[in-house]
């Protein structure tokens, strides 16, 4: 059997930050995702007028007092008729701030990690 350690950290919050106008959240547990999983700088991936970055907050898992972790992410393209899946919430800001293409929404679901 696998048990969940209270000391293990999970992503408990996520924010879209438009980096030309805003600063990412700072404080306990917040991290800016500034590179892809392959190490490419986010500046090279965001070539629009308004670079977009993600900030995530990591928290220890506590099913009684703590926030539930984010366990699933989905990209939703409202311009293509896609809707937020049942059980998911969407961030209020689009991941696409460029001149081309429609909004790209990030939807997430929280729950007990497996």
Protein backbone atom coordinates (compact mmCIF):
# COMPACT_ATOMS: atom_id res chain seq x y z
CA UNK A 1 0.00 0.00 0.00
CA UNK A 2 1.07 3.49 -0.71
CA UNK A 3 0.41 6.20 1.84
CA UNK A 4 0.38 9.93 1.26
CA UNK A 5 2.99 11.78 3.23
CA UNK A 6 1.89 15.12 4.67
CA UNK A 7 5.34 16.46 3.82
CA UNK A 8 4.94 15.82 0.11
CA UNK A 9 4.15 18.99 -1.83
CA UNK A 10 1.48 19.33 -4.48
CA UNK A 11 0.35 22.17 -6.71
CA UNK A 12 -2.56 23.79 -4.88
CA UNK A 13 -3.04 26.97 -6.94
CA UNK A 14 -2.13 28.25 -10.37
CA UNK A 15 -2.23 31.73 -11.90
CA UNK A 16 -1.75 33.18 -15.36
CA UNK A 17 0.46 36.26 -15.28
CA UNK A 18 0.78 38.73 -18.15
CA UNK A 19 4.43 39.54 -17.62
CA UNK A 20 4.56 42.94 -19.34
CA UNK A 21 2.14 44.44 -16.80
CA UNK A 22 2.29 42.30 -13.69
CA UNK A 23 4.58 40.61 -11.30
CA UNK A 24 4.02 36.98 -10.40
CA UNK A 25 2.80 36.26 -6.88
CA UNK A 26 5.56 35.99 -4.34
CA UNK A 27 5.45 34.38 -0.98
CA UNK A 28 5.50 30.98 0.59
CA UNK A 29 5.19 28.17 -1.91
CA UNK A 30 4.87 30.23 -5.13
CA UNK A 31 7.09 29.38 -8.12
CA UNK A 32 7.21 30.80 -11.62
CA UNK A 33 7.33 28.30 -14.46
CA UNK A 34 9.82 29.95 -16.78
CA UNK A 35 10.97 26.92 -18.77
CA UNK A 36 9.33 24.07 -20.62
CA UNK A 37 9.85 20.48 -19.49
CA UNK A 38 12.70 20.28 -22.04
CA UNK A 39 14.40 23.42 -20.68
CA UNK A 40 13.32 25.93 -23.34
CA UNK A 41 12.85 29.43 -21.95
CA UNK A 42 9.24 30.55 -21.76
CA UNK A 43 10.29 33.78 -23.52
CA UNK A 44 10.96 31.69 -26.64
CA UNK A 45 7.55 30.00 -26.39
CA UNK A 46 5.61 33.26 -25.89
CA UNK A 47 6.32 35.39 -28.93
CA UNK A 48 3.18 37.52 -28.79
CA UNK A 49 2.88 41.12 -27.73
CA UNK A 50 2.15 40.11 -24.17
CA UNK A 51 4.27 37.25 -22.79
CA UNK A 52 2.30 34.84 -20.61
CA UNK A 53 3.79 32.90 -17.73
CA UNK A 54 2.34 30.52 -15.18
CA UNK A 55 2.88 30.74 -11.45
CA UNK A 56 2.09 27.76 -9.26
CA UNK A 57 1.74 27.45 -5.52
CA UNK A 58 2.93 24.30 -3.83
CA UNK A 59 1.45 23.18 -0.54
CA UNK A 60 1.78 20.16 1.70
CA UNK A 61 -1.15 17.80 1.44
CA UNK A 62 -3.46 17.95 4.44
CA UNK A 63 -6.92 16.49 3.75
CA UNK A 64 -8.38 18.14 6.87
CA UNK A 65 -7.08 21.72 6.87
CA UNK A 66 -5.16 22.22 3.64
CA UNK A 67 -6.22 23.01 0.10
CA UNK A 68 -6.88 20.06 -2.15
CA UNK A 69 -4.18 19.63 -4.77
CA UNK A 70 -4.69 20.12 -8.48
CA UNK A 71 -4.83 16.62 -9.93
CA UNK A 72 -5.71 17.27 -13.58
CA UNK A 73 -5.27 20.01 -16.19
CA UNK A 74 -7.04 20.49 -19.54
CA UNK A 75 -6.69 23.07 -22.29
CA UNK A 76 -10.02 24.37 -23.56
CA UNK A 77 -10.54 26.26 -26.84
CA UNK A 78 -13.85 28.14 -26.51
CA UNK A 79 -13.54 29.48 -30.08
CA UNK A 80 -13.72 25.90 -31.34
CA UNK A 81 -16.87 25.22 -29.33
CA UNK A 82 -15.12 23.46 -26.45
CA UNK A 83 -16.54 23.85 -22.94
CA UNK A 84 -15.09 23.42 -19.48
CA UNK A 85 -15.46 19.72 -18.55
CA UNK A 86 -17.73 18.79 -15.66
CA UNK A 87 -15.84 18.88 -12.37
CA UNK A 88 -13.25 21.34 -13.69
CA UNK A 89 -12.80 25.05 -13.07
CA UNK A 90 -11.12 27.40 -15.52
CA UNK A 91 -8.68 30.16 -14.82
CA UNK A 92 -10.21 33.50 -15.73
CA UNK A 93 -7.38 34.49 -18.06
CA UNK A 94 -6.48 33.16 -21.48
CA UNK A 95 -3.10 31.59 -22.11
CA UNK A 96 -3.14 33.23 -25.55
CA UNK A 97 -2.52 36.98 -25.58
CA UNK A 98 -1.19 37.07 -29.13
CA UNK A 99 -2.80 38.66 -32.16
CA UNK A 100 -3.59 35.31 -33.76
CA UNK A 101 -5.88 32.56 -32.60
CA UNK A 102 -8.61 32.63 -30.04
CA UNK A 103 -8.57 32.26 -26.29
CA UNK A 104 -6.91 29.22 -24.77
CA UNK A 105 -8.26 28.49 -21.31
CA UNK A 106 -6.60 26.34 -18.68
CA UNK A 107 -9.06 24.21 -16.74
CA UNK A 108 -8.14 22.28 -13.61
CA UNK A 109 -9.67 19.76 -11.24
CA UNK A 110 -8.79 19.39 -7.58
CA UNK A 111 -9.05 16.20 -5.57
CA UNK A 112 -7.34 13.63 -3.43
CA UNK A 113 -4.09 12.50 -5.09
CA UNK A 114 -3.76 8.84 -5.92
